[in-house]
């Protein structure tokens, strides 16, 4: 069944429900047209000290995605250059003040404000996007937002970095967590294309300095580069700049040094009404989606140009739109037989479900228009949130699917919205070996993202508990978490969840760091010890120095 009038519902709901799908969160502001920034590394104002009496202070306090958490330090330091970051860090260390950096404010746990921060370095103005001919790589400032970066790279050189969808996520925290998005099944994750990173670190004597680490084999700081290909933010120092060039890229033509996105994309949406999607139909739908990805997620699959998600929507007390699930798909329209590939995918998804879906007309969009569409829809979600994640090596079993059905269709909650988004993974995101980069999850086929949103602070406890119990019940067979090596493969670093370190919610006996880093953790500890021996940079789930 097709129903074009459902498109408005999709715009308001579907991608908002997947607001955490690939980008590490969204800011509750709709991004305007992206600008091509070219500020040099040595220019600009600052550092600007903004204290509590300054009228700009409250704006900086509210620069964050998750409204459960606010950051109220003694001062914000707005910076525009690496030298300024070094100076601010040095002054904070000398004064024995807790210093924390923020690039986009999209962390879903309270890692900035909750760590006793006295000085917060705001990197938002460090938003350079330019080609660096000396390094044959594209320089991107830590504060540059995804939409700005994509627009500048694409219109300037016809290339891109395969990252997330939200317009307002900043590169600083996104890349170091292994950013994933629309093009990652074809081109890998964003950190797979990282050539170099500039980090402000503090040595054992308390001296702050900037270090540029590259992937060159003879670089003495290569291990610091490696740690930033998935080691997570707030662990080793403060990232100020990245440089991107794809492994194996040769020559001096900037247009050949990063992936080139497809010229156009086929965008498809299939919507499943709550009425008619009973437990058996729901089970068939989720099973179909999972098994399809088990079969079509190899690095050379003809479907590596497909990015899809099945969004399972929670029942709402008010204004429920009557949709239980929405499947969205973006497929490279330039592939041979692209329309048939897409239809075969939809047929496999809906096979045997029984409940008649609404199938919106397929659209063929220019690539960047498809990026803008995803971003505009995703960035609508706002409020107080709890989020969890899981990598899946295999589809959920029937018992797990039944838990999702019972909890998402029930009304024993006080949140505004809830969703479980099952995003297609794999393809060439699985091509590197687990230790080639710090991103350890390299044989998963789905990434599951759990999120609920509400507005009333007095309902924080109830809504956090609801999400905790849902997740614990789904993973009841493995101690409440997706233990690596079986059906699951741990958790996604860009959606940190402090419950993984809480024995009340993680009864698996598997430590939190194994869920995020697997066997890469010891190597990351060695990097931590070498570059942050005083543990200046830390948070609730940070890498501990070796010996801790």
Protein backbone atom coordinates (compact mmCIF):
# COMPACT_ATOMS: atom_id res chain seq x y z
CA UNK A 1 0.00 0.00 0.00
CA UNK A 2 1.28 3.49 -0.80
CA UNK A 3 0.19 6.69 0.91
CA UNK A 4 2.08 9.91 0.04
CA UNK A 5 0.28 11.74 2.83
CA UNK A 6 2.34 9.74 5.30
CA UNK A 7 5.41 11.69 4.24
CA UNK A 8 4.74 14.45 6.76
CA UNK A 9 4.56 11.87 9.51
CA UNK A 10 7.86 10.46 8.34
CA UNK A 11 9.50 13.86 8.41
CA UNK A 12 8.37 14.48 11.95
CA UNK A 13 8.90 11.01 13.36
CA UNK A 14 11.01 8.49 11.53
CA UNK A 15 14.42 10.02 11.49
CA UNK A 16 13.82 11.84 14.75
CA UNK A 17 13.31 8.38 16.19
CA UNK A 18 16.72 7.48 14.83
CA UNK A 19 18.30 10.72 15.95
CA UNK A 20 21.18 8.78 17.38
CA UNK A 21 21.57 6.44 14.44
CA UNK A 22 24.98 7.38 13.20
CA UNK A 23 26.08 10.66 14.49
CA UNK A 24 26.53 10.57 18.19
CA UNK A 25 23.46 12.62 18.92
CA UNK A 26 21.88 15.84 17.82
CA UNK A 27 21.53 19.39 19.09
CA UNK A 28 18.05 20.75 19.53
CA UNK A 29 18.56 23.46 16.92
CA UNK A 30 17.87 23.15 13.21
CA UNK A 31 21.07 23.83 11.31
CA UNK A 32 21.03 26.58 8.73
CA UNK A 33 22.94 26.46 5.45
CA UNK A 34 26.44 25.16 6.01
CA UNK A 35 29.34 27.49 5.36
CA UNK A 36 32.75 26.67 3.92
CA UNK A 37 35.17 27.60 6.64
CA UNK A 38 38.83 28.25 5.98
CA UNK A 39 40.13 29.88 9.14
CA UNK A 40 43.86 29.29 9.43
CA UNK A 41 45.29 27.48 12.42
CA UNK A 42 46.98 30.62 13.69
CA UNK A 43 44.26 33.25 13.39
CA UNK A 44 41.12 34.24 15.25
CA UNK A 45 40.11 35.80 18.55
CA UNK A 46 40.56 34.39 22.01
CA UNK A 47 40.91 32.76 24.30
CA UNK A 48 37.77 34.39 25.66
CA UNK A 49 36.97 33.78 29.31
CA UNK A 50 33.22 33.56 29.97
CA UNK A 51 32.31 33.46 33.66
CA UNK A 52 28.94 33.17 35.40
CA UNK A 53 28.32 36.93 35.36
CA UNK A 54 28.81 37.11 31.59
CA UNK A 55 25.53 37.11 29.58
CA UNK A 56 27.11 34.58 27.18
CA UNK A 57 27.51 32.05 30.00
CA UNK A 58 23.96 30.66 29.86
CA UNK A 59 24.18 30.13 26.11
CA UNK A 60 27.30 28.05 26.62
CA UNK A 61 25.64 26.15 29.47
CA UNK A 62 22.82 25.13 27.15
CA UNK A 63 25.09 24.03 24.30
CA UNK A 64 24.40 20.33 24.78
CA UNK A 65 22.24 17.60 23.33
CA UNK A 66 20.98 15.80 26.42
CA UNK A 67 19.01 18.23 28.58
CA UNK A 68 19.38 15.91 31.58
CA UNK A 69 22.85 17.36 31.98
CA UNK A 70 24.13 20.92 32.12
CA UNK A 71 27.66 22.16 32.52
CA UNK A 72 28.29 25.05 34.95
CA UNK A 73 32.06 25.48 35.36
CA UNK A 74 33.88 28.42 36.88
CA UNK A 75 34.52 29.55 33.33
CA UNK A 76 34.20 28.59 29.71
CA UNK A 77 37.22 29.28 27.55
CA UNK A 78 36.25 29.96 23.94
CA UNK A 79 39.28 29.23 21.78
CA UNK A 80 40.19 29.50 18.09
CA UNK A 81 43.76 28.16 17.88
CA UNK A 82 45.82 25.27 19.12
CA UNK A 83 48.22 27.64 20.89
CA UNK A 84 45.31 29.01 22.88
CA UNK A 85 44.27 25.49 23.92
CA UNK A 86 47.82 24.77 25.09
CA UNK A 87 47.85 27.99 27.12
CA UNK A 88 44.47 27.37 28.75
CA UNK A 89 45.37 23.77 29.62
CA UNK A 90 48.72 24.85 31.06
CA UNK A 91 47.12 27.52 33.23
CA UNK A 92 44.49 25.07 34.49
CA UNK A 93 47.10 22.45 35.36
CA UNK A 94 49.21 24.99 37.22
CA UNK A 95 46.18 26.19 39.15
CA UNK A 96 45.15 22.57 39.82
CA UNK A 97 41.80 23.13 38.20
CA UNK A 98 39.86 20.36 36.49
CA UNK A 99 39.87 21.07 32.74
CA UNK A 100 37.55 19.47 30.17
CA UNK A 101 37.04 20.07 26.45
CA UNK A 102 33.82 20.21 24.47
CA UNK A 103 33.53 20.30 20.69
CA UNK A 104 29.83 19.80 19.89
CA UNK A 105 28.16 19.02 23.21
CA UNK A 106 26.58 15.77 22.05
CA UNK A 107 27.70 13.34 24.73
CA UNK A 108 24.74 11.37 26.08
CA UNK A 109 26.34 10.89 29.50
CA UNK A 110 27.47 13.66 31.82
CA UNK A 111 31.16 13.45 30.93
CA UNK A 112 31.68 17.23 30.78
CA UNK A 113 29.63 18.69 33.60
CA UNK A 114 29.57 15.60 35.78
CA UNK A 115 33.31 15.31 36.20
CA UNK A 116 33.71 18.33 38.47
CA UNK A 117 34.89 20.51 35.60
CA UNK A 118 36.12 23.93 36.65
CA UNK A 119 37.35 25.04 33.22
CA UNK A 120 35.55 23.97 30.03
CA UNK A 121 37.38 24.63 26.78
CA UNK A 122 34.79 25.23 24.06
CA UNK A 123 36.20 24.25 20.66
CA UNK A 124 33.19 25.20 18.54
CA UNK A 125 35.02 28.09 16.86
CA UNK A 126 37.86 25.81 15.72
CA UNK A 127 35.90 24.90 12.60
CA UNK A 128 38.47 24.93 9.80
CA UNK A 129 37.82 22.81 6.70
CA UNK A 130 40.56 23.09 4.08
CA UNK A 131 42.97 21.14 1.92
CA UNK A 132 46.50 20.98 3.32
CA UNK A 133 48.81 20.54 0.32
CA UNK A 134 51.86 19.89 2.49
CA UNK A 135 50.24 16.83 4.08
CA UNK A 136 48.17 15.92 1.01
CA UNK A 137 45.23 15.68 3.37
CA UNK A 138 42.11 17.58 4.37
CA UNK A 139 42.36 19.50 7.63
CA UNK A 140 39.22 19.61 9.77
CA UNK A 141 39.00 21.51 13.06
CA UNK A 142 37.61 19.74 16.12
CA UNK A 143 34.67 22.15 16.29
CA UNK A 144 33.63 21.78 12.66
CA UNK A 145 30.12 20.38 12.37
CA UNK A 146 29.31 17.45 10.13
CA UNK A 147 27.06 19.39 7.74
CA UNK A 148 29.72 22.07 7.22
CA UNK A 149 32.41 19.49 6.59
CA UNK A 150 30.35 17.48 4.12
CA UNK A 151 29.26 20.57 2.21
CA UNK A 152 32.76 22.00 1.94
CA UNK A 153 34.42 18.75 0.94
CA UNK A 154 31.75 17.88 -1.59
CA UNK A 155 31.32 21.24 -3.29
CA UNK A 156 35.01 22.03 -3.06
CA UNK A 157 36.51 18.74 -4.22
CA UNK A 158 33.73 16.21 -4.81
CA UNK A 159 34.80 14.05 -1.85
CA UNK A 160 33.59 13.23 1.65
CA UNK A 161 34.38 11.51 4.92
CA UNK A 162 31.95 8.64 5.69
CA UNK A 163 30.47 9.84 8.96
CA UNK A 164 27.16 10.39 10.71
CA UNK A 165 23.99 12.17 9.66
CA UNK A 166 23.28 14.88 12.22
CA UNK A 167 24.14 18.35 10.94
CA UNK A 168 25.32 19.68 14.29
CA UNK A 169 27.55 16.93 15.64
CA UNK A 170 31.16 18.17 15.72
CA UNK A 171 34.06 16.21 14.30
CA UNK A 172 36.10 16.41 17.51
CA UNK A 173 34.28 13.65 19.38
CA UNK A 174 32.65 11.97 16.40
CA UNK A 175 35.73 10.66 14.63
CA UNK A 176 37.65 9.49 17.68
CA UNK A 177 34.63 7.34 18.59
CA UNK A 178 34.55 5.70 15.16
CA UNK A 179 31.80 7.69 13.42
CA UNK A 180 29.47 5.65 11.19
CA UNK A 181 26.85 6.72 8.69
CA UNK A 182 25.18 6.53 5.32
CA UNK A 183 28.33 5.63 3.33
CA UNK A 184 30.10 3.43 5.85
CA UNK A 185 29.05 0.07 4.42
CA UNK A 186 30.71 1.18 1.16
CA UNK A 187 33.69 3.17 2.46
CA UNK A 188 34.24 2.23 6.12
CA UNK A 189 33.89 4.45 9.15
CA UNK A 190 35.24 7.99 9.44
CA UNK A 191 38.32 7.04 11.48
CA UNK A 192 39.37 4.56 8.78
CA UNK A 193 40.33 7.62 6.71
CA UNK A 194 42.20 9.45 9.46
CA UNK A 195 45.72 10.37 8.40
CA UNK A 196 46.78 12.59 11.32
CA UNK A 197 45.51 14.17 14.51
CA UNK A 198 46.71 17.09 16.62
CA UNK A 199 46.28 16.61 20.35
CA UNK A 200 47.15 18.84 23.30
CA UNK A 201 48.64 16.57 25.97
CA UNK A 202 50.16 17.01 29.43
CA UNK A 203 53.35 15.16 30.40
CA UNK A 204 54.35 13.78 33.78
CA UNK A 205 55.98 17.08 34.74
CA UNK A 206 52.73 18.95 34.06
CA UNK A 207 53.84 20.61 30.83
CA UNK A 208 51.16 21.06 28.14
CA UNK A 209 52.13 20.79 24.48
CA UNK A 210 50.59 20.01 21.10
CA UNK A 211 51.53 16.78 19.32
CA UNK A 212 50.72 15.85 15.73
CA UNK A 213 50.48 12.08 15.30
CA UNK A 214 50.20 10.39 11.90
CA UNK A 215 49.69 6.89 10.57
CA UNK A 216 53.15 6.88 8.98
CA UNK A 217 55.03 3.77 10.07
CA UNK A 218 58.08 5.74 11.20
CA UNK A 219 56.14 8.37 13.19
CA UNK A 220 57.24 8.18 16.85
CA UNK A 221 53.69 9.23 17.82
CA UNK A 222 51.95 6.63 15.65
CA UNK A 223 50.40 4.92 18.68
CA UNK A 224 48.71 8.20 19.60
CA UNK A 225 47.28 8.32 16.06
CA UNK A 226 46.08 4.72 16.42
CA UNK A 227 44.36 5.51 19.73
CA UNK A 228 42.33 8.21 17.95
CA UNK A 229 40.90 5.76 15.41
CA UNK A 230 38.31 4.59 17.93
CA UNK A 231 39.71 5.18 21.42
CA UNK A 232 37.08 7.77 22.34
CA UNK A 233 37.21 11.39 23.43
CA UNK A 234 38.39 12.72 26.77
CA UNK A 235 41.04 10.04 27.22
CA UNK A 236 44.47 11.18 26.04
CA UNK A 237 44.30 14.94 25.61
CA UNK A 238 42.32 17.57 23.73
CA UNK A 239 41.88 17.07 19.99
CA UNK A 240 42.27 20.31 18.07
CA UNK A 241 42.60 19.20 14.44
CA UNK A 242 42.30 16.17 12.19
CA UNK A 243 43.71 15.45 8.74
CA UNK A 244 41.99 12.97 6.42
CA UNK A 245 43.39 10.97 3.52
CA UNK A 246 42.24 7.48 2.61
CA UNK A 247 44.75 4.65 3.08
CA UNK A 248 46.40 3.87 -0.24
CA UNK A 249 45.42 7.19 -1.84
CA UNK A 250 48.24 8.51 -4.04
CA UNK A 251 49.05 11.63 -6.01
CA UNK A 252 48.38 15.29 -5.37
CA UNK A 253 44.86 15.60 -6.74
CA UNK A 254 42.64 16.38 -3.70
CA UNK A 255 39.66 14.91 -5.53
CA UNK A 256 41.26 11.45 -5.36
CA UNK A 257 42.39 11.43 -1.75
CA UNK A 258 39.04 10.68 -0.06
CA UNK A 259 35.94 8.69 -1.09
CA UNK A 260 33.67 10.18 -3.74
CA UNK A 261 29.99 9.77 -2.85
CA UNK A 262 27.47 8.53 -5.41
CA UNK A 263 25.89 11.11 -7.65
CA UNK A 264 22.40 10.11 -6.55
CA UNK A 265 20.59 7.97 -4.00
CA UNK A 266 17.36 5.94 -4.06
CA UNK A 267 15.46 6.73 -0.85
CA UNK A 268 12.75 4.32 0.25
CA UNK A 269 10.43 4.22 3.28
CA UNK A 270 8.13 1.42 4.41
CA UNK A 271 5.81 2.08 7.36
CA UNK A 272 4.12 -0.59 9.48
CA UNK A 273 0.92 0.45 11.31
CA UNK A 274 0.55 -0.65 14.90
CA UNK A 275 -2.88 -2.02 14.04
CA UNK A 276 -2.32 -5.43 12.50
CA UNK A 277 1.30 -5.80 13.56
CA UNK A 278 0.71 -8.33 16.32
CA UNK A 279 3.44 -10.24 18.14
CA UNK A 280 3.84 -12.84 15.40
CA UNK A 281 4.02 -10.24 12.63
CA UNK A 282 6.43 -8.10 14.66
CA UNK A 283 8.63 -11.14 15.23
CA UNK A 284 8.69 -11.93 11.51
CA UNK A 285 9.54 -8.35 10.57
CA UNK A 286 12.46 -8.00 12.99
CA UNK A 287 13.72 -11.48 12.13
CA UNK A 288 13.60 -10.73 8.39
CA UNK A 289 15.57 -7.54 8.85
CA UNK A 290 18.23 -9.25 10.93
CA UNK A 291 18.65 -12.26 8.69
CA UNK A 292 18.87 -10.10 5.58
CA UNK A 293 21.80 -8.27 7.13
CA UNK A 294 23.45 -11.53 8.14
CA UNK A 295 23.41 -12.54 4.47
CA UNK A 296 24.25 -9.24 2.77
CA UNK A 297 26.92 -7.51 4.88
CA UNK A 298 30.17 -8.80 3.39
CA UNK A 299 32.74 -6.22 2.24
CA UNK A 300 32.18 -7.13 -1.42
CA UNK A 301 28.41 -7.56 -1.27
CA UNK A 302 26.46 -5.82 -4.06
CA UNK A 303 24.52 -4.30 -1.16
CA UNK A 304 27.50 -2.54 0.36
CA UNK A 305 26.07 0.66 -1.15
CA UNK A 306 22.89 0.27 0.93
CA UNK A 307 22.29 1.98 4.26
CA UNK A 308 19.10 0.98 6.03
CA UNK A 309 17.41 0.90 9.37
CA UNK A 310 14.37 -0.65 11.00
CA UNK A 311 13.04 1.74 13.63
CA UNK A 312 10.81 0.12 16.25
CA UNK A 313 8.63 2.82 17.80
CA UNK A 314 7.27 2.87 21.32
CA UNK A 315 3.57 3.38 21.95
CA UNK A 316 2.79 6.90 23.18
CA UNK A 317 0.19 8.03 25.68
CA UNK A 318 -0.61 11.08 23.58
CA UNK A 319 -0.32 11.86 19.88
CA UNK A 320 0.67 8.32 18.92
CA UNK A 321 0.74 8.26 15.12
CA UNK A 322 -0.24 4.61 14.97
CA UNK A 323 3.05 3.37 13.56
CA UNK A 324 4.84 0.44 15.18
CA UNK A 325 7.87 0.35 12.88
CA UNK A 326 9.42 2.23 9.98
CA UNK A 327 12.05 0.87 7.60
CA UNK A 328 14.14 3.37 5.68
CA UNK A 329 16.71 2.64 3.00
CA UNK A 330 19.24 4.71 1.06
CA UNK A 331 20.86 2.92 -1.88
CA UNK A 332 23.49 4.13 -4.32
CA UNK A 333 21.38 4.84 -7.41
CA UNK A 334 24.37 4.49 -9.73
CA UNK A 335 24.76 0.77 -9.00
CA UNK A 336 23.86 -1.60 -11.86
CA UNK A 337 20.32 -2.82 -11.29
CA UNK A 338 19.85 -0.48 -8.32
CA UNK A 339 16.05 -0.42 -8.53
CA UNK A 340 15.85 -4.23 -8.52
CA UNK A 341 18.32 -4.45 -5.63
CA UNK A 342 16.14 -2.09 -3.64
CA UNK A 343 12.92 -3.92 -4.44
CA UNK A 344 14.46 -7.28 -3.57
CA UNK A 345 15.52 -5.82 -0.23
CA UNK A 346 12.00 -4.53 0.50
CA UNK A 347 10.47 -7.86 -0.55
CA UNK A 348 12.78 -9.76 1.80
CA UNK A 349 11.94 -7.39 4.65
CA UNK A 350 8.17 -7.69 4.27
CA UNK A 351 8.03 -11.41 3.37
CA UNK A 352 5.48 -13.23 5.53
CA UNK A 353 4.82 -10.26 7.82
CA UNK A 354 1.12 -10.29 7.03
CA UNK A 355 0.34 -6.77 8.20
CA UNK A 356 -0.03 -4.52 5.18
CA UNK A 357 2.52 -1.69 5.23
CA UNK A 358 2.42 1.78 3.74
CA UNK A 359 5.12 1.94 1.06
CA UNK A 360 6.04 5.49 0.18
CA UNK A 361 7.10 6.21 -3.40
CA UNK A 362 10.82 5.77 -3.92
CA UNK A 363 12.66 9.03 -4.52
CA UNK A 364 15.88 9.52 -6.45
CA UNK A 365 17.81 12.35 -4.84
CA UNK A 366 21.15 14.02 -5.52
CA UNK A 367 23.57 12.73 -2.89
CA UNK A 368 24.01 15.93 -0.93
CA UNK A 369 20.28 16.55 -0.94
CA UNK A 370 19.83 13.14 0.68
CA UNK A 371 22.37 14.15 3.33
CA UNK A 372 20.51 17.38 4.04
CA UNK A 373 17.21 15.51 4.26
CA UNK A 374 18.57 13.07 6.84
CA UNK A 375 20.12 15.88 8.85
CA UNK A 376 17.03 18.10 8.87
CA UNK A 377 14.88 15.25 10.16
CA UNK A 378 17.32 13.88 12.69
CA UNK A 379 18.01 17.14 14.44
CA UNK A 380 14.39 17.61 15.51
CA UNK A 381 14.62 15.32 18.56
CA UNK A 382 15.26 17.17 21.81
CA UNK A 383 14.79 16.82 25.53
CA UNK A 384 16.05 14.67 28.38
CA UNK A 385 17.32 11.31 27.21
CA UNK A 386 18.71 7.92 28.09
CA UNK A 387 20.49 5.93 25.42
CA UNK A 388 22.03 2.48 25.05
CA UNK A 389 23.59 0.60 22.17
CA UNK A 390 24.73 -2.80 20.96
CA UNK A 391 26.60 -4.33 18.07
CA UNK A 392 24.95 -7.47 16.71
CA UNK A 393 26.88 -10.20 14.93
CA UNK A 394 23.63 -12.07 14.42
CA UNK A 395 19.95 -11.15 14.46
CA UNK A 396 17.95 -11.00 17.67
CA UNK A 397 16.31 -14.31 18.59
CA UNK A 398 12.57 -14.69 19.07
CA UNK A 399 12.71 -14.30 22.84
CA UNK A 400 14.55 -10.98 22.50
CA UNK A 401 12.15 -9.78 19.81
CA UNK A 402 9.22 -10.64 22.07
CA UNK A 403 10.72 -8.49 24.84
CA UNK A 404 10.95 -5.59 22.40
CA UNK A 405 7.34 -6.10 21.35
CA UNK A 406 5.96 -6.25 24.88
CA UNK A 407 7.89 -3.25 26.16
CA UNK A 408 7.45 -1.01 23.13
CA UNK A 409 3.72 -1.64 22.76
CA UNK A 410 3.06 -1.20 26.47
CA UNK A 411 2.06 2.05 28.14
CA UNK A 412 3.84 1.57 31.48
CA UNK A 413 6.08 4.59 30.93
CA UNK A 414 6.15 8.37 31.23
CA UNK A 415 8.40 9.32 28.32
CA UNK A 416 7.33 11.24 25.22
CA UNK A 417 8.99 8.92 22.71
CA UNK A 418 11.00 5.72 22.69
CA UNK A 419 12.61 3.75 19.90
CA UNK A 420 14.94 0.88 19.16
CA UNK A 421 16.70 1.54 15.87
CA UNK A 422 18.34 -1.43 14.15
CA UNK A 423 20.87 0.11 11.76
CA UNK A 424 22.60 -1.86 9.03
CA UNK A 425 26.33 -2.24 9.68
CA UNK A 426 29.02 -4.35 8.06
CA UNK A 427 30.17 -4.04 4.48
CA UNK A 428 33.55 -2.35 4.28
CA UNK A 429 33.21 -1.13 7.84
CA UNK A 430 34.18 -4.75 8.62
CA UNK A 431 37.16 -4.87 6.25
CA UNK A 432 39.93 -3.90 8.73
CA UNK A 433 41.04 -6.38 11.35
CA UNK A 434 40.05 -5.67 14.95
CA UNK A 435 43.49 -4.33 15.90
CA UNK A 436 44.21 -2.32 12.74
CA UNK A 437 42.42 0.59 14.35
CA UNK A 438 41.22 1.20 17.89
CA UNK A 439 37.66 0.45 16.74
CA UNK A 440 37.43 -3.21 17.70
CA UNK A 441 33.97 -4.16 16.38
CA UNK A 442 34.74 -5.39 12.87
CA UNK A 443 32.43 -8.35 12.31
CA UNK A 444 29.00 -7.00 13.22
CA UNK A 445 26.06 -6.69 10.84
CA UNK A 446 23.67 -4.48 12.84
CA UNK A 447 24.05 -1.69 15.35
CA UNK A 448 21.14 -1.37 17.75
CA UNK A 449 20.40 2.01 19.30
CA UNK A 450 17.97 2.36 22.21
CA UNK A 451 16.66 5.80 23.15
CA UNK A 452 13.83 7.42 25.08
CA UNK A 453 13.09 11.13 25.44
CA UNK A 454 11.05 13.17 27.91
CA UNK A 455 10.86 16.74 29.19
CA UNK A 456 10.01 16.72 32.91
CA UNK A 457 13.10 16.57 35.21
CA UNK A 458 11.01 14.92 37.91
CA UNK A 459 10.50 11.94 35.62
CA UNK A 460 14.22 11.29 35.12
CA UNK A 461 14.34 8.34 37.50
CA UNK A 462 11.32 6.55 36.06
CA UNK A 463 12.41 6.97 32.46
CA UNK A 464 16.03 5.97 33.03
CA UNK A 465 14.78 2.92 34.90
CA UNK A 466 12.41 2.02 32.05
CA UNK A 467 15.27 2.03 29.56
CA UNK A 468 17.53 0.08 31.90
CA UNK A 469 14.92 -2.65 32.38
CA UNK A 470 14.17 -2.91 28.66
CA UNK A 471 17.84 -3.36 27.80
CA UNK A 472 18.48 -5.75 30.68
CA UNK A 473 15.55 -7.92 29.61
CA UNK A 474 16.71 -8.05 25.98
CA UNK A 475 20.15 -9.20 27.18
CA UNK A 476 18.97 -11.29 30.12
CA UNK A 477 20.77 -14.33 28.69
CA UNK A 478 24.18 -12.61 28.80
CA UNK A 479 24.06 -10.72 32.08
CA UNK A 480 22.26 -7.63 30.86
CA UNK A 481 24.79 -6.58 28.22
CA UNK A 482 25.79 -7.65 24.66
CA UNK A 483 28.85 -9.69 25.59
CA UNK A 484 31.35 -9.84 22.68
CA UNK A 485 31.95 -13.07 20.84
CA UNK A 486 28.44 -14.50 20.64
CA UNK A 487 25.37 -12.91 19.12
CA UNK A 488 26.53 -9.53 20.42
CA UNK A 489 29.79 -7.69 20.02
CA UNK A 490 29.73 -5.05 22.71
CA UNK A 491 28.62 -1.43 22.64
CA UNK A 492 29.13 1.66 20.48
CA UNK A 493 31.58 4.10 22.02
CA UNK A 494 29.89 7.26 20.74
CA UNK A 495 26.81 6.34 22.80
CA UNK A 496 28.42 5.79 26.20
CA UNK A 497 26.34 4.17 28.91
CA UNK A 498 27.59 4.30 32.49
CA UNK A 499 25.35 1.36 33.39
CA UNK A 500 27.86 -0.95 31.68
CA UNK A 501 30.22 -0.25 34.61
CA UNK A 502 27.51 -0.78 37.24
CA UNK A 503 27.32 -4.35 38.62
CA UNK A 504 23.61 -3.87 39.26
CA UNK A 505 22.99 -3.65 35.50
CA UNK A 506 25.99 -5.55 34.15
CA UNK A 507 26.01 -8.95 35.83
CA UNK A 508 27.92 -10.67 33.02
CA UNK A 509 31.32 -10.58 34.69
CA UNK A 510 32.62 -8.85 31.55
CA UNK A 511 34.11 -5.41 32.39
CA UNK A 512 32.76 -2.30 30.71
CA UNK A 513 35.97 -1.72 28.76
CA UNK A 514 35.68 -5.14 27.10
CA UNK A 515 32.27 -4.13 25.79
CA UNK A 516 33.65 -0.98 24.16
CA UNK A 517 37.26 -1.82 23.32
CA UNK A 518 37.50 -5.63 23.46
CA UNK A 519 41.15 -6.74 23.27
CA UNK A 520 42.37 -3.26 22.28
CA UNK A 521 42.03 -1.95 25.83
CA UNK A 522 45.51 -2.87 27.10
CA UNK A 523 47.14 -1.18 24.13
CA UNK A 524 45.01 1.90 24.72
CA UNK A 525 46.10 1.91 28.35
CA UNK A 526 49.72 2.02 27.21
CA UNK A 527 48.97 5.09 25.08
CA UNK A 528 47.15 6.68 28.00
CA UNK A 529 50.15 6.13 30.26
CA UNK A 530 52.55 7.59 27.69
CA UNK A 531 50.57 10.74 26.86
CA UNK A 532 48.43 11.43 29.94
CA UNK A 533 50.38 9.91 32.83
CA UNK A 534 48.78 12.27 35.38
CA UNK A 535 45.27 11.30 34.21
CA UNK A 536 44.39 14.94 33.59
CA UNK A 537 41.74 13.92 31.07
CA UNK A 538 39.19 11.48 32.46
CA UNK A 539 35.50 10.77 32.91
CA UNK A 540 33.24 7.99 34.17
CA UNK A 541 34.17 5.58 31.34
CA UNK A 542 37.63 6.83 30.47
CA UNK A 543 40.62 4.62 29.76
CA UNK A 544 42.63 4.07 32.92
CA UNK A 545 46.43 4.36 32.96
CA UNK A 546 48.25 1.03 32.86
CA UNK A 547 48.29 -0.59 36.29
CA UNK A 548 44.93 0.83 37.38
